[in-house]
Amino acid sequence: MPVPRPAPVLVFDGDCRFCSSAARFVLRRVRPDADVVAFQAADLAALGVTEERARRELLWVRPDGGVDGGAQAVASLLIAGGRGWRPLGLLGRTRPFGRLAAWGYRVVAANRARLPGGSAACATGAPTTSGG
């Protein structure tokens, strides 16, 4: 059972250089009011998520213990970023943009090993179809 927390937690794959670069961008530019942690350093059981899911997709664990994955996690972190990011996150939750965001997330996740900063550690298989 997830433990309620004071702030959301963004969980990413710390072994993947592409994901780590994206997490640094989030911290530097988006600056969501959230903890950002590699799943390898996180207490996944306390967050209420499995290692298998954390390997497969970006996760946003809400303070109430709910979990958004994939494109919905991206939308949640953009909303939490406020300023100019919030409208993009809200747009990612509406049709047809939510479906487009989910498709884009799947494409990036499936090809992250080939993207700048990607490595063999990034090749983890097909992501889920979260979002949209």
Protein backbone atom coordinates (compact mmCIF):
# COMPACT_ATOMS: atom_id res chain seq x y z
CA MET A 1 0.00 0.00 0.00
CA PRO A 2 1.47 3.39 -0.99
CA VAL A 3 2.37 5.79 1.79
CA PRO A 4 0.85 9.30 1.54
CA ARG A 5 3.59 11.87 0.92
CA PRO A 6 3.76 15.65 1.12
CA ALA A 7 4.93 16.09 -2.49
CA PRO A 8 4.60 14.11 -5.72
CA VAL A 9 7.53 11.99 -6.86
CA LEU A 10 8.78 11.73 -10.44
CA VAL A 11 10.41 8.33 -10.93
CA PHE A 12 12.71 7.76 -13.92
CA ASP A 13 15.25 5.17 -15.09
CA GLY A 14 18.60 6.31 -13.73
CA ASP A 15 20.51 3.71 -15.77
CA CYS A 16 19.31 5.30 -19.01
CA ARG A 17 21.38 8.32 -20.01
CA PHE A 18 18.53 9.70 -22.12
CA CYS A 19 16.14 9.48 -19.14
CA SER A 20 18.74 10.98 -16.79
CA SER A 21 19.29 13.88 -19.20
CA ALA A 22 15.54 14.42 -19.41
CA ALA A 23 15.31 14.40 -15.59
CA ARG A 24 18.06 17.03 -15.38
CA PHE A 25 16.14 19.15 -17.91
CA VAL A 26 13.00 18.80 -15.79
CA LEU A 27 14.85 19.92 -12.67
CA ARG A 28 16.54 22.83 -14.45
CA ARG A 29 13.74 24.14 -16.67
CA VAL A 30 10.33 22.78 -15.60
CA ARG A 31 11.08 22.83 -11.86
CA PRO A 32 7.97 20.97 -10.68
CA ASP A 33 7.15 21.05 -6.99
CA ALA A 34 8.09 17.38 -6.70
CA ASP A 35 10.86 15.02 -5.75
CA VAL A 36 12.71 13.63 -8.78
CA VAL A 37 14.38 10.27 -8.20
CA ALA A 38 15.85 7.41 -10.20
CA PHE A 39 13.89 4.23 -9.55
CA GLN A 40 17.14 2.51 -8.63
CA ALA A 41 17.44 4.84 -5.60
CA ALA A 42 13.74 4.93 -4.72
CA ASP A 43 11.79 2.90 -2.19
CA LEU A 44 9.44 1.54 -4.84
CA ALA A 45 7.35 -0.45 -2.36
CA ALA A 46 6.66 2.70 -0.33
CA LEU A 47 5.70 4.47 -3.56
CA GLY A 48 3.34 1.64 -4.47
CA VAL A 49 5.01 0.78 -7.80
CA THR A 50 6.88 -2.22 -9.11
CA GLU A 51 10.40 -2.25 -10.49
CA GLU A 52 9.03 -3.72 -13.72
CA ARG A 53 6.73 -0.74 -14.22
CA ALA A 54 9.44 1.75 -13.24
CA ARG A 55 11.79 0.21 -15.84
CA ARG A 56 9.10 0.47 -18.50
CA GLU A 57 7.80 4.02 -18.09
CA LEU A 58 8.19 7.38 -16.41
CA LEU A 59 6.06 7.53 -13.26
CA TRP A 60 4.44 10.38 -11.36
CA VAL A 61 3.39 9.28 -7.87
CA ARG A 62 0.82 11.67 -6.45
CA PRO A 63 0.74 12.54 -2.73
CA ASP A 64 -2.44 10.45 -2.37
CA GLY A 65 -0.55 7.39 -3.68
CA GLY A 66 -2.10 7.38 -7.15
CA VAL A 67 0.30 6.81 -10.03
CA ASP A 68 0.36 8.30 -13.53
CA GLY A 69 2.56 6.60 -16.07
CA GLY A 70 3.97 7.47 -19.48
CA ALA A 71 2.36 10.44 -21.20
CA GLN A 72 0.09 11.07 -18.22
CA ALA A 73 3.17 11.33 -15.98
CA VAL A 74 4.62 13.90 -18.39
CA ALA A 75 1.33 15.86 -18.30
CA SER A 76 1.32 15.78 -14.48
CA LEU A 77 4.88 17.02 -14.20
CA LEU A 78 4.20 19.84 -16.69
CA ILE A 79 1.11 20.86 -14.72
CA ALA A 80 3.18 20.88 -11.52
CA GLY A 81 5.79 23.03 -13.27
CA GLY A 82 3.36 25.93 -13.40
CA ARG A 83 4.15 29.03 -15.45
CA GLY A 84 4.27 28.26 -19.17
CA TRP A 85 4.38 24.50 -18.62
CA ARG A 86 0.94 24.10 -17.03
CA PRO A 87 -1.07 24.78 -20.22
CA LEU A 88 0.97 22.15 -22.09
CA GLY A 89 0.26 19.60 -19.37
CA LEU A 90 -3.45 20.40 -19.38
CA LEU A 91 -3.51 20.16 -23.17
CA GLY A 92 -1.93 16.71 -22.89
CA ARG A 93 -4.96 15.61 -20.89
CA THR A 94 -7.52 16.59 -23.53
CA ARG A 95 -8.63 14.86 -26.71
CA PRO A 96 -7.16 14.60 -29.30
CA PHE A 97 -3.92 15.90 -27.78
CA GLY A 98 -3.85 13.22 -25.08
CA ARG A 99 -3.85 10.50 -27.73
CA LEU A 100 -1.12 12.29 -29.65
CA ALA A 101 0.94 12.68 -26.44
CA ALA A 102 0.52 8.97 -25.66
CA TRP A 103 1.63 8.03 -29.17
CA GLY A 104 4.64 10.39 -28.94
CA TYR A 105 5.59 8.99 -25.55
CA ARG A 106 5.47 5.41 -26.89
CA VAL A 107 7.64 6.35 -29.88
CA VAL A 108 10.25 8.08 -27.71
CA ALA A 109 10.24 5.31 -25.08
CA ALA A 110 10.61 2.58 -27.69
CA ASN A 111 13.54 4.42 -29.30
CA ARG A 112 15.28 5.99 -26.31
CA ALA A 113 18.40 3.88 -26.85
CA ARG A 114 18.80 5.57 -30.27
CA LEU A 115 18.20 9.14 -29.05
CA PRO A 116 20.98 11.56 -28.03
CA GLY A 117 22.38 10.35 -24.73
CA GLY A 118 20.78 6.95 -25.17
CA SER A 119 22.67 3.77 -24.36
CA ALA A 120 22.19 0.01 -24.33
CA ALA A 121 20.74 0.37 -20.81
CA CYS A 122 17.88 2.36 -22.38
CA ALA A 123 16.61 -0.57 -24.47
CA THR A 124 14.01 -2.08 -22.13
CA GLY A 125 11.23 -3.22 -24.42
CA ALA A 126 7.83 -1.83 -25.24
CA PRO A 127 6.26 0.73 -22.90
CA THR A 128 2.64 0.62 -21.82
CA THR A 129 -0.01 2.66 -23.58
CA SER A 130 -0.68 5.02 -20.67
CA GLY A 131 -2.50 8.19 -21.50
CA GLY A 132 -5.04 9.49 -23.95
